[in-house]
Amino acid sequence: MSQIEIKAYQLRNEAVKRVSGTNFFKQWFSTDHLGESVEYFKRAGNLFKMAKNWSQAATAFYDAASLSFKRNDTSEAAFDLIEAANCYKNYDTSKAVESYLKAINIYEENSKLITAAKYYQIIAELLEDEFDTKEAVTYYAKAAEIYRKECSYSAANKCYEKIAEYAALSQNYVRAVKIFEEIACLDLASSILKYAAKHYFFRAAICLLCAGYDVTAKLRTYLNIYPAFEDTREYQLIMCLHECLQVGDIDGFENAVKKFDSVTELSQWHITLLLRAKKHIEGAYVLN
């Protein structure tokens, strides 16, 4: 055991001693003793963090949060719950989520909605890392809804983009297209974000190719909304891929994707969806 951990245990023991007197469970304790114990638990938690003893660190911060609740200091309790969650996530995702949700409940009750949305998003990202995509999408949706209501459109769009990505990966192309189009239109309403619209129209069009749709009609709609899209490499690639699919030109399809990727690197999501679209060449390209 390191010297840092030894000191952390001493601080934790002192916290228990101050809050409980001779009997932790039977004594009625004063607010002053509670406040002192909160500080000792927090100091212990920080030392356990330094030692990377995540289990003890999480417990110390959770104990601090519990005492802050007893003191009716919900702001401090929320802070310590977040600290506990940040430690839990190093070894127990379910406990981390539980702790984040308790903190989120406090933020929502105190109308700190953007902060609540931030931690909903963090939960989503944590679950995403655990490949629990269904639950991840649920929390991305919670975060996105709050962000949009609070007019934090850029943050909302990032969450909706994740939802659309997973919809497409699960072959729910209709939902994915709808979300990507909505994000693009929202971006076009902003002088700052409008240049990002091409990326969402591009993603929507890829989904349409995967679904076997003739994209020309949709592309005309996109151009009516955003004429500058026609001059983008994304638009040119979609048109090229569509033509390759119509004539069964698998080499042309692959070369077009490689050429685009050599200049603008495609994400794993793009590659996965484009590989799906290419499979239409092996069968019949259905025009709907």
C-alpha atoms as a PDB file:
ATOM      1  CA  MET A   1       0.000   0.000   0.000  1.00  0.00           C
ATOM      2  CA  SER A   2       1.373   3.400  -0.959  1.00  0.00           C
ATOM      3  CA  GLN A   3       1.835   6.307   1.449  1.00  0.00           C
ATOM      4  CA  ILE A   4      -0.888   8.180  -0.437  1.00  0.00           C
ATOM      5  CA  GLU A   5      -3.369   5.371   0.229  1.00  0.00           C
ATOM      6  CA  ILE A   6      -2.375   5.154   3.882  1.00  0.00           C
ATOM      7  CA  LYS A   7      -3.077   8.881   4.245  1.00  0.00           C
ATOM      8  CA  ALA A   8      -6.389   8.443   2.387  1.00  0.00           C
ATOM      9  CA  TYR A   9      -7.518   5.698   4.759  1.00  0.00           C
ATOM     10  CA  GLN A  10      -6.557   7.879   7.727  1.00  0.00           C
ATOM     11  CA  LEU A  11      -8.680  10.726   6.361  1.00  0.00           C
ATOM     12  CA  ARG A  12     -11.605   8.424   5.718  1.00  0.00           C
ATOM     13  CA  ASN A  13     -11.400   7.006   9.236  1.00  0.00           C
ATOM     14  CA  GLU A  14     -11.269  10.525  10.622  1.00  0.00           C
ATOM     15  CA  ALA A  15     -14.384  11.398   8.626  1.00  0.00           C
ATOM     16  CA  VAL A  16     -16.274   8.467  10.112  1.00  0.00           C
ATOM     17  CA  LYS A  17     -15.025   9.319  13.594  1.00  0.00           C
ATOM     18  CA  ARG A  18     -16.129  12.948  13.370  1.00  0.00           C
ATOM     19  CA  VAL A  19     -19.547  12.171  11.991  1.00  0.00           C
ATOM     20  CA  SER A  20     -20.387   9.309  14.312  1.00  0.00           C
ATOM     21  CA  GLY A  21     -18.719   9.911  17.634  1.00  0.00           C
ATOM     22  CA  THR A  22     -18.682   6.477  19.268  1.00  0.00           C
ATOM     23  CA  ASN A  23     -21.469   4.942  17.185  1.00  0.00           C
ATOM     24  CA  PHE A  24     -21.977   5.911  13.537  1.00  0.00           C
ATOM     25  CA  PHE A  25     -25.491   4.456  13.288  1.00  0.00           C
ATOM     26  CA  LYS A  26     -26.999   5.575  16.587  1.00  0.00           C
ATOM     27  CA  GLN A  27     -25.708   9.076  17.193  1.00  0.00           C
ATOM     28  CA  TRP A  28     -27.547  12.221  16.210  1.00  0.00           C
ATOM     29  CA  PHE A  29     -24.883  14.426  14.745  1.00  0.00           C
ATOM     30  CA  SER A  30     -24.608  18.136  14.175  1.00  0.00           C
ATOM     31  CA  THR A  31     -24.342  19.978  10.877  1.00  0.00           C
ATOM     32  CA  ASP A  32     -20.817  21.091  11.797  1.00  0.00           C
ATOM     33  CA  HIS A  33     -19.661  17.521  12.251  1.00  0.00           C
ATOM     34  CA  LEU A  34     -21.293  16.572   8.982  1.00  0.00           C
ATOM     35  CA  GLY A  35     -19.543  19.391   7.155  1.00  0.00           C
ATOM     36  CA  GLU A  36     -16.168  18.406   8.573  1.00  0.00           C
ATOM     37  CA  SER A  37     -16.729  14.790   7.624  1.00  0.00           C
ATOM     38  CA  VAL A  38     -17.708  15.773   4.081  1.00  0.00           C
ATOM     39  CA  GLU A  39     -14.364  17.530   3.669  1.00  0.00           C
ATOM     40  CA  TYR A  40     -12.438  14.567   5.058  1.00  0.00           C
ATOM     41  CA  PHE A  41     -14.257  12.149   2.742  1.00  0.00           C
ATOM     42  CA  LYS A  42     -13.526  14.404  -0.241  1.00  0.00           C
ATOM     43  CA  ARG A  43      -9.844  14.700   0.677  1.00  0.00           C
ATOM     44  CA  ALA A  44      -9.663  10.945   1.045  1.00  0.00           C
ATOM     45  CA  GLY A  45     -11.378  10.506  -2.302  1.00  0.00           C
ATOM     46  CA  ASN A  46      -8.868  12.771  -4.041  1.00  0.00           C
ATOM     47  CA  LEU A  47      -5.938  10.843  -2.561  1.00  0.00           C
ATOM     48  CA  PHE A  48      -7.461   7.513  -3.580  1.00  0.00           C
ATOM     49  CA  LYS A  49      -7.828   8.962  -7.089  1.00  0.00           C
ATOM     50  CA  MET A  50      -4.140   9.856  -7.110  1.00  0.00           C
ATOM     51  CA  ALA A  51      -3.364   6.259  -6.156  1.00  0.00           C
ATOM     52  CA  LYS A  52      -5.805   5.020  -8.838  1.00  0.00           C
ATOM     53  CA  ASN A  53      -7.699   3.106  -6.185  1.00  0.00           C
ATOM     54  CA  TRP A  54     -10.972   3.747  -7.965  1.00  0.00           C
ATOM     55  CA  SER A  55     -13.171   1.619  -5.720  1.00  0.00           C
ATOM     56  CA  GLN A  56     -12.167   3.411  -2.519  1.00  0.00           C
ATOM     57  CA  ALA A  57     -12.228   6.791  -4.267  1.00  0.00           C
ATOM     58  CA  ALA A  58     -15.777   6.224  -5.512  1.00  0.00           C
ATOM     59  CA  THR A  59     -16.914   5.107  -2.054  1.00  0.00           C
ATOM     60  CA  ALA A  60     -15.358   8.164  -0.390  1.00  0.00           C
ATOM     61  CA  PHE A  61     -17.045  10.604  -2.763  1.00  0.00           C
ATOM     62  CA  TYR A  62     -20.360   8.751  -2.523  1.00  0.00           C
ATOM     63  CA  ASP A  63     -20.168   8.961   1.287  1.00  0.00           C
ATOM     64  CA  ALA A  64     -19.447  12.680   0.982  1.00  0.00           C
ATOM     65  CA  ALA A  65     -22.510  13.084  -1.237  1.00  0.00           C
ATOM     66  CA  SER A  66     -24.701  11.199   1.240  1.00  0.00           C
ATOM     67  CA  LEU A  67     -23.646  13.511   4.067  1.00  0.00           C
ATOM     68  CA  SER A  68     -24.216  16.578   1.889  1.00  0.00           C
ATOM     69  CA  PHE A  69     -27.791  15.375   1.376  1.00  0.00           C
ATOM     70  CA  LYS A  70     -28.215  15.214   5.148  1.00  0.00           C
ATOM     71  CA  ARG A  71     -26.985  18.812   5.313  1.00  0.00           C
ATOM     72  CA  ASN A  72     -29.486  19.785   2.571  1.00  0.00           C
ATOM     73  CA  ASP A  73     -26.582  20.903   0.419  1.00  0.00           C
ATOM     74  CA  THR A  74     -27.806  19.411  -2.849  1.00  0.00           C
ATOM     75  CA  SER A  75     -25.341  21.338  -5.019  1.00  0.00           C
ATOM     76  CA  GLU A  76     -22.409  19.827  -3.154  1.00  0.00           C
ATOM     77  CA  ALA A  77     -24.090  16.418  -3.203  1.00  0.00           C
ATOM     78  CA  ALA A  78     -24.444  16.571  -6.982  1.00  0.00           C
ATOM     79  CA  PHE A  79     -20.785  17.538  -7.369  1.00  0.00           C
ATOM     80  CA  ASP A  80     -19.651  14.595  -5.223  1.00  0.00           C
ATOM     81  CA  LEU A  81     -21.987  12.182  -7.025  1.00  0.00           C
ATOM     82  CA  ILE A  82     -20.345  13.190 -10.290  1.00  0.00           C
ATOM     83  CA  GLU A  83     -16.916  12.640  -8.725  1.00  0.00           C
ATOM     84  CA  ALA A  84     -18.058   9.206  -7.548  1.00  0.00           C
ATOM     85  CA  ALA A  85     -19.431   8.378 -11.006  1.00  0.00           C
ATOM     86  CA  ASN A  86     -16.159   9.401 -12.650  1.00  0.00           C
ATOM     87  CA  CYS A  87     -14.408   6.887 -10.405  1.00  0.00           C
ATOM     88  CA  TYR A  88     -17.020   4.151 -10.803  1.00  0.00           C
ATOM     89  CA  LYS A  89     -16.759   4.256 -14.576  1.00  0.00           C
ATOM     90  CA  ASN A  90     -13.206   2.919 -14.329  1.00  0.00           C
ATOM     91  CA  TYR A  91     -14.500  -0.418 -13.066  1.00  0.00           C
ATOM     92  CA  ASP A  92     -18.323  -0.566 -12.804  1.00  0.00           C
ATOM     93  CA  THR A  93     -20.445   1.025 -15.519  1.00  0.00           C
ATOM     94  CA  SER A  94     -23.783   0.305 -13.834  1.00  0.00           C
ATOM     95  CA  LYS A  95     -22.741   2.070 -10.625  1.00  0.00           C
ATOM     96  CA  ALA A  96     -21.384   4.970 -12.652  1.00  0.00           C
ATOM     97  CA  VAL A  97     -24.699   5.359 -14.475  1.00  0.00           C
ATOM     98  CA  GLU A  98     -26.618   5.148 -11.191  1.00  0.00           C
ATOM     99  CA  SER A  99     -24.487   7.883  -9.649  1.00  0.00           C
ATOM    100  CA  TYR A 100     -24.722  10.125 -12.715  1.00  0.00           C
ATOM    101  CA  LEU A 101     -28.508   9.749 -12.740  1.00  0.00           C
ATOM    102  CA  LYS A 102     -28.784  10.772  -9.086  1.00  0.00           C
ATOM    103  CA  ALA A 103     -26.754  13.891  -9.868  1.00  0.00           C
ATOM    104  CA  ILE A 104     -28.843  14.584 -12.971  1.00  0.00           C
ATOM    105  CA  ASN A 105     -32.007  14.429 -10.885  1.00  0.00           C
ATOM    106  CA  ILE A 106     -30.600  17.179  -8.659  1.00  0.00           C
ATOM    107  CA  TYR A 107     -29.630  19.335 -11.650  1.00  0.00           C
ATOM    108  CA  GLU A 108     -33.089  18.960 -13.194  1.00  0.00           C
ATOM    109  CA  GLU A 109     -34.812  19.825  -9.908  1.00  0.00           C
ATOM    110  CA  ASN A 110     -32.657  22.953  -9.710  1.00  0.00           C
ATOM    111  CA  SER A 111     -33.321  23.875 -13.361  1.00  0.00           C
ATOM    112  CA  LYS A 112     -29.699  23.327 -14.377  1.00  0.00           C
ATOM    113  CA  LEU A 113     -30.875  21.673 -17.551  1.00  0.00           C
ATOM    114  CA  ILE A 114     -27.811  22.124 -19.744  1.00  0.00           C
ATOM    115  CA  THR A 115     -25.715  20.466 -17.042  1.00  0.00           C
ATOM    116  CA  ALA A 116     -28.252  17.632 -16.856  1.00  0.00           C
ATOM    117  CA  ALA A 117     -28.069  17.201 -20.634  1.00  0.00           C
ATOM    118  CA  LYS A 118     -24.279  17.120 -20.491  1.00  0.00           C
ATOM    119  CA  TYR A 119     -24.325  14.176 -18.121  1.00  0.00           C
ATOM    120  CA  TYR A 120     -27.052  12.367 -20.055  1.00  0.00           C
ATOM    121  CA  GLN A 121     -24.667  12.613 -22.997  1.00  0.00           C
ATOM    122  CA  ILE A 122     -21.771  11.327 -20.891  1.00  0.00           C
ATOM    123  CA  ILE A 123     -23.896   8.339 -19.843  1.00  0.00           C
ATOM    124  CA  ALA A 124     -24.677   7.691 -23.514  1.00  0.00           C
ATOM    125  CA  GLU A 125     -20.984   7.788 -24.426  1.00  0.00           C
ATOM    126  CA  LEU A 126     -20.138   5.469 -21.535  1.00  0.00           C
ATOM    127  CA  LEU A 127     -22.769   2.936 -22.614  1.00  0.00           C
ATOM    128  CA  GLU A 128     -21.592   3.295 -26.202  1.00  0.00           C
ATOM    129  CA  ASP A 129     -18.102   2.254 -25.101  1.00  0.00           C
ATOM    130  CA  GLU A 130     -19.725  -0.799 -23.495  1.00  0.00           C
ATOM    131  CA  PHE A 131     -21.490  -1.567 -26.821  1.00  0.00           C
ATOM    132  CA  ASP A 132     -24.898  -1.115 -25.196  1.00  0.00           C
ATOM    133  CA  THR A 133     -26.119   0.896 -28.154  1.00  0.00           C
ATOM    134  CA  LYS A 134     -29.826   0.595 -27.383  1.00  0.00           C
ATOM    135  CA  GLU A 135     -29.434   2.269 -23.991  1.00  0.00           C
ATOM    136  CA  ALA A 136     -26.886   4.695 -25.388  1.00  0.00           C
ATOM    137  CA  VAL A 137     -29.429   5.914 -27.941  1.00  0.00           C
ATOM    138  CA  THR A 138     -31.989   6.379 -25.152  1.00  0.00           C
ATOM    139  CA  TYR A 139     -29.676   8.742 -23.268  1.00  0.00           C
ATOM    140  CA  TYR A 140     -28.528  10.545 -26.415  1.00  0.00           C
ATOM    141  CA  ALA A 141     -32.225  11.247 -27.038  1.00  0.00           C
ATOM    142  CA  LYS A 142     -32.704  12.606 -23.504  1.00  0.00           C
ATOM    143  CA  ALA A 143     -29.681  14.870 -23.903  1.00  0.00           C
ATOM    144  CA  ALA A 144     -30.727  16.036 -27.371  1.00  0.00           C
ATOM    145  CA  GLU A 145     -34.239  16.923 -26.262  1.00  0.00           C
ATOM    146  CA  ILE A 146     -32.964  19.110 -23.426  1.00  0.00           C
ATOM    147  CA  TYR A 147     -30.262  20.733 -25.558  1.00  0.00           C
ATOM    148  CA  ARG A 148     -32.819  21.650 -28.220  1.00  0.00           C
ATOM    149  CA  LYS A 149     -35.300  23.030 -25.687  1.00  0.00           C
ATOM    150  CA  GLU A 150     -32.496  25.140 -24.237  1.00  0.00           C
ATOM    151  CA  CYS A 151     -31.550  26.350 -27.735  1.00  0.00           C
ATOM    152  CA  SER A 152     -28.157  24.636 -27.596  1.00  0.00           C
ATOM    153  CA  TYR A 153     -28.546  23.457 -31.172  1.00  0.00           C
ATOM    154  CA  SER A 154     -24.965  22.473 -31.900  1.00  0.00           C
ATOM    155  CA  ALA A 155     -24.873  20.140 -28.881  1.00  0.00           C
ATOM    156  CA  ALA A 156     -28.318  18.787 -29.751  1.00  0.00           C
ATOM    157  CA  ASN A 157     -27.242  18.024 -33.299  1.00  0.00           C
ATOM    158  CA  LYS A 158     -24.251  15.996 -32.109  1.00  0.00           C
ATOM    159  CA  CYS A 159     -26.604  13.794 -30.096  1.00  0.00           C
ATOM    160  CA  TYR A 160     -29.161  13.491 -32.887  1.00  0.00           C
ATOM    161  CA  GLU A 161     -26.325  12.591 -35.255  1.00  0.00           C
ATOM    162  CA  LYS A 162     -25.418   9.659 -33.001  1.00  0.00           C
ATOM    163  CA  ILE A 163     -29.049   8.538 -32.954  1.00  0.00           C
ATOM    164  CA  ALA A 164     -29.187   8.693 -36.761  1.00  0.00           C
ATOM    165  CA  GLU A 165     -25.915   6.786 -37.078  1.00  0.00           C
ATOM    166  CA  TYR A 166     -27.218   3.914 -34.999  1.00  0.00           C
ATOM    167  CA  ALA A 167     -30.538   3.958 -36.808  1.00  0.00           C
ATOM    168  CA  ALA A 168     -28.682   3.534 -40.092  1.00  0.00           C
ATOM    169  CA  LEU A 169     -26.436   0.785 -38.716  1.00  0.00           C
ATOM    170  CA  SER A 170     -29.546  -1.102 -37.605  1.00  0.00           C
ATOM    171  CA  GLN A 171     -30.918  -0.633 -41.154  1.00  0.00           C
ATOM    172  CA  ASN A 172     -33.625   1.784 -40.087  1.00  0.00           C
ATOM    173  CA  TYR A 173     -32.722   4.001 -43.021  1.00  0.00           C
ATOM    174  CA  VAL A 174     -35.980   5.945 -43.088  1.00  0.00           C
ATOM    175  CA  ARG A 175     -35.455   7.206 -39.547  1.00  0.00           C
ATOM    176  CA  ALA A 176     -31.788   7.931 -40.191  1.00  0.00           C
ATOM    177  CA  VAL A 177     -32.553   9.957 -43.331  1.00  0.00           C
ATOM    178  CA  LYS A 178     -35.221  11.952 -41.531  1.00  0.00           C
ATOM    179  CA  ILE A 179     -32.879  12.874 -38.675  1.00  0.00           C
ATOM    180  CA  PHE A 180     -29.934  13.736 -40.935  1.00  0.00           C
ATOM    181  CA  GLU A 181     -32.194  15.959 -43.046  1.00  0.00           C
ATOM    182  CA  GLU A 182     -33.575  17.713 -39.962  1.00  0.00           C
ATOM    183  CA  ILE A 183     -30.058  18.412 -38.681  1.00  0.00           C
ATOM    184  CA  ALA A 184     -29.012  19.772 -42.074  1.00  0.00           C
ATOM    185  CA  CYS A 185     -32.007  22.115 -42.213  1.00  0.00           C
ATOM    186  CA  LEU A 186     -31.340  23.343 -38.678  1.00  0.00           C
ATOM    187  CA  ASP A 187     -27.727  24.015 -39.597  1.00  0.00           C
ATOM    188  CA  LEU A 188     -28.787  25.985 -42.653  1.00  0.00           C
ATOM    189  CA  ALA A 189     -30.770  28.296 -40.391  1.00  0.00           C
ATOM    190  CA  SER A 190     -27.532  29.273 -38.639  1.00  0.00           C
ATOM    191  CA  SER A 191     -24.910  31.444 -40.293  1.00  0.00           C
ATOM    192  CA  ILE A 192     -22.277  29.656 -38.218  1.00  0.00           C
ATOM    193  CA  LEU A 193     -23.411  26.062 -38.731  1.00  0.00           C
ATOM    194  CA  LYS A 194     -24.731  26.193 -42.308  1.00  0.00           C
ATOM    195  CA  TYR A 195     -21.474  24.938 -43.825  1.00  0.00           C
ATOM    196  CA  ALA A 196     -21.882  21.649 -41.969  1.00  0.00           C
ATOM    197  CA  ALA A 197     -25.187  20.939 -43.722  1.00  0.00           C
ATOM    198  CA  LYS A 198     -23.417  19.203 -46.608  1.00  0.00           C
ATOM    199  CA  HIS A 199     -22.156  16.492 -44.270  1.00  0.00           C
ATOM    200  CA  TYR A 200     -25.678  15.624 -43.133  1.00  0.00           C
ATOM    201  CA  PHE A 201     -27.147  15.665 -46.638  1.00  0.00           C
ATOM    202  CA  PHE A 202     -24.237  13.428 -47.632  1.00  0.00           C
ATOM    203  CA  ARG A 203     -25.043  10.981 -44.838  1.00  0.00           C
ATOM    204  CA  ALA A 204     -28.730  11.006 -45.693  1.00  0.00           C
ATOM    205  CA  ALA A 205     -27.929  10.254 -49.332  1.00  0.00           C
ATOM    206  CA  ILE A 206     -25.672   7.335 -48.345  1.00  0.00           C
ATOM    207  CA  CYS A 207     -28.569   5.885 -46.351  1.00  0.00           C
ATOM    208  CA  LEU A 208     -30.797   6.218 -49.402  1.00  0.00           C
ATOM    209  CA  LEU A 209     -28.237   4.317 -51.488  1.00  0.00           C
ATOM    210  CA  CYS A 210     -28.179   1.556 -48.861  1.00  0.00           C
ATOM    211  CA  ALA A 211     -31.963   1.334 -49.001  1.00  0.00           C
ATOM    212  CA  GLY A 212     -31.841   0.979 -52.799  1.00  0.00           C
ATOM    213  CA  TYR A 213     -33.532   4.273 -53.546  1.00  0.00           C
ATOM    214  CA  ASP A 214     -33.033   6.388 -56.623  1.00  0.00           C
ATOM    215  CA  VAL A 215     -31.424   9.401 -54.959  1.00  0.00           C
ATOM    216  CA  THR A 216     -31.848  11.871 -57.814  1.00  0.00           C
ATOM    217  CA  ALA A 217     -35.194  13.217 -56.609  1.00  0.00           C
ATOM    218  CA  LYS A 218     -33.876  13.673 -53.073  1.00  0.00           C
ATOM    219  CA  LEU A 219     -30.748  15.365 -54.344  1.00  0.00           C
ATOM    220  CA  ARG A 220     -32.866  17.868 -56.264  1.00  0.00           C
ATOM    221  CA  THR A 221     -34.676  18.628 -53.008  1.00  0.00           C
ATOM    222  CA  TYR A 222     -31.374  19.112 -51.220  1.00  0.00           C
ATOM    223  CA  LEU A 223     -30.180  21.467 -53.948  1.00  0.00           C
ATOM    224  CA  ASN A 224     -33.364  23.513 -53.728  1.00  0.00           C
ATOM    225  CA  ILE A 225     -32.731  23.912 -50.020  1.00  0.00           C
ATOM    226  CA  TYR A 226     -28.969  24.334 -50.275  1.00  0.00           C
ATOM    227  CA  PRO A 227     -27.784  25.188 -53.829  1.00  0.00           C
ATOM    228  CA  ALA A 228     -24.125  25.262 -52.742  1.00  0.00           C
ATOM    229  CA  PHE A 229     -24.312  21.520 -52.110  1.00  0.00           C
ATOM    230  CA  GLU A 230     -23.959  20.917 -55.850  1.00  0.00           C
ATOM    231  CA  ASP A 231     -20.382  22.214 -55.803  1.00  0.00           C
ATOM    232  CA  THR A 232     -19.242  19.901 -53.022  1.00  0.00           C
ATOM    233  CA  ARG A 233     -17.190  16.728 -53.345  1.00  0.00           C
ATOM    234  CA  GLU A 234     -19.847  14.955 -51.304  1.00  0.00           C
ATOM    235  CA  TYR A 235     -22.528  15.664 -53.891  1.00  0.00           C
ATOM    236  CA  GLN A 236     -20.263  14.604 -56.761  1.00  0.00           C
ATOM    237  CA  LEU A 237     -19.447  11.329 -54.996  1.00  0.00           C
ATOM    238  CA  ILE A 238     -23.103  10.486 -54.402  1.00  0.00           C
ATOM    239  CA  MET A 239     -23.951  11.153 -58.057  1.00  0.00           C
ATOM    240  CA  CYS A 240     -21.026   9.003 -59.168  1.00  0.00           C
ATOM    241  CA  LEU A 241     -21.956   6.141 -56.840  1.00  0.00           C
ATOM    242  CA  HIS A 242     -25.556   6.289 -57.957  1.00  0.00           C
ATOM    243  CA  GLU A 243     -24.517   5.975 -61.594  1.00  0.00           C
ATOM    244  CA  CYS A 244     -22.211   3.061 -60.746  1.00  0.00           C
ATOM    245  CA  LEU A 245     -25.044   1.295 -58.969  1.00  0.00           C
ATOM    246  CA  GLN A 246     -27.358   1.785 -61.944  1.00  0.00           C
ATOM    247  CA  VAL A 247     -24.922   0.282 -64.454  1.00  0.00           C
ATOM    248  CA  GLY A 248     -23.359  -2.292 -62.116  1.00  0.00           C
ATOM    249  CA  ASP A 249     -19.884  -0.736 -62.218  1.00  0.00           C
ATOM    250  CA  ILE A 250     -18.280  -2.135 -59.061  1.00  0.00           C
ATOM    251  CA  ASP A 251     -14.770  -0.933 -60.003  1.00  0.00           C
ATOM    252  CA  GLY A 252     -16.029   2.569 -60.637  1.00  0.00           C
ATOM    253  CA  PHE A 253     -17.810   2.516 -57.259  1.00  0.00           C
ATOM    254  CA  GLU A 254     -14.687   1.405 -55.389  1.00  0.00           C
ATOM    255  CA  ASN A 255     -12.399   3.841 -57.192  1.00  0.00           C
ATOM    256  CA  ALA A 256     -14.719   6.776 -56.502  1.00  0.00           C
ATOM    257  CA  VAL A 257     -14.788   5.953 -52.793  1.00  0.00           C
ATOM    258  CA  LYS A 258     -10.990   5.526 -52.666  1.00  0.00           C
ATOM    259  CA  LYS A 259     -10.434   8.820 -54.436  1.00  0.00           C
ATOM    260  CA  PHE A 260     -12.724  10.665 -52.058  1.00  0.00           C
ATOM    261  CA  ASP A 261     -11.156   8.986 -49.014  1.00  0.00           C
ATOM    262  CA  SER A 262      -7.655   9.966 -50.143  1.00  0.00           C
ATOM    263  CA  VAL A 263      -8.621  13.621 -49.741  1.00  0.00           C
ATOM    264  CA  THR A 264     -11.297  13.479 -47.045  1.00  0.00           C
ATOM    265  CA  GLU A 265     -10.936  10.484 -44.758  1.00  0.00           C
ATOM    266  CA  LEU A 266     -14.163   8.579 -44.340  1.00  0.00           C
ATOM    267  CA  SER A 267     -15.241   7.383 -40.910  1.00  0.00           C
ATOM    268  CA  GLN A 268     -15.934   3.755 -40.082  1.00  0.00           C
ATOM    269  CA  TRP A 269     -19.636   4.557 -40.240  1.00  0.00           C
ATOM    270  CA  HIS A 270     -19.305   5.869 -43.811  1.00  0.00           C
ATOM    271  CA  ILE A 271     -17.266   2.852 -44.875  1.00  0.00           C
ATOM    272  CA  THR A 272     -19.734   0.385 -43.343  1.00  0.00           C
ATOM    273  CA  LEU A 273     -22.696   2.007 -45.073  1.00  0.00           C
ATOM    274  CA  LEU A 274     -20.905   2.361 -48.412  1.00  0.00           C
ATOM    275  CA  LEU A 275     -19.985  -1.328 -48.336  1.00  0.00           C
ATOM    276  CA  ARG A 276     -23.651  -2.101 -47.841  1.00  0.00           C
ATOM    277  CA  ALA A 277     -24.579   0.109 -50.767  1.00  0.00           C
ATOM    278  CA  LYS A 278     -21.993  -1.593 -52.960  1.00  0.00           C
ATOM    279  CA  LYS A 279     -23.669  -4.957 -52.355  1.00  0.00           C
ATOM    280  CA  HIS A 280     -26.554  -3.775 -54.534  1.00  0.00           C
ATOM    281  CA  ILE A 281     -24.242  -4.213 -57.520  1.00  0.00           C
ATOM    282  CA  GLU A 282     -23.862  -7.892 -56.733  1.00  0.00           C
ATOM    283  CA  GLY A 283     -27.633  -8.211 -56.846  1.00  0.00           C
ATOM    284  CA  ALA A 284     -30.122  -5.969 -58.562  1.00  0.00           C
ATOM    285  CA  TYR A 285     -30.205  -2.266 -57.758  1.00  0.00           C
ATOM    286  CA  VAL A 286     -33.835  -1.637 -56.866  1.00  0.00           C
ATOM    287  CA  LEU A 287     -35.169   1.783 -57.695  1.00  0.00           C
ATOM    288  CA  ASN A 288     -38.001   2.803 -55.391  1.00  0.00           C
END
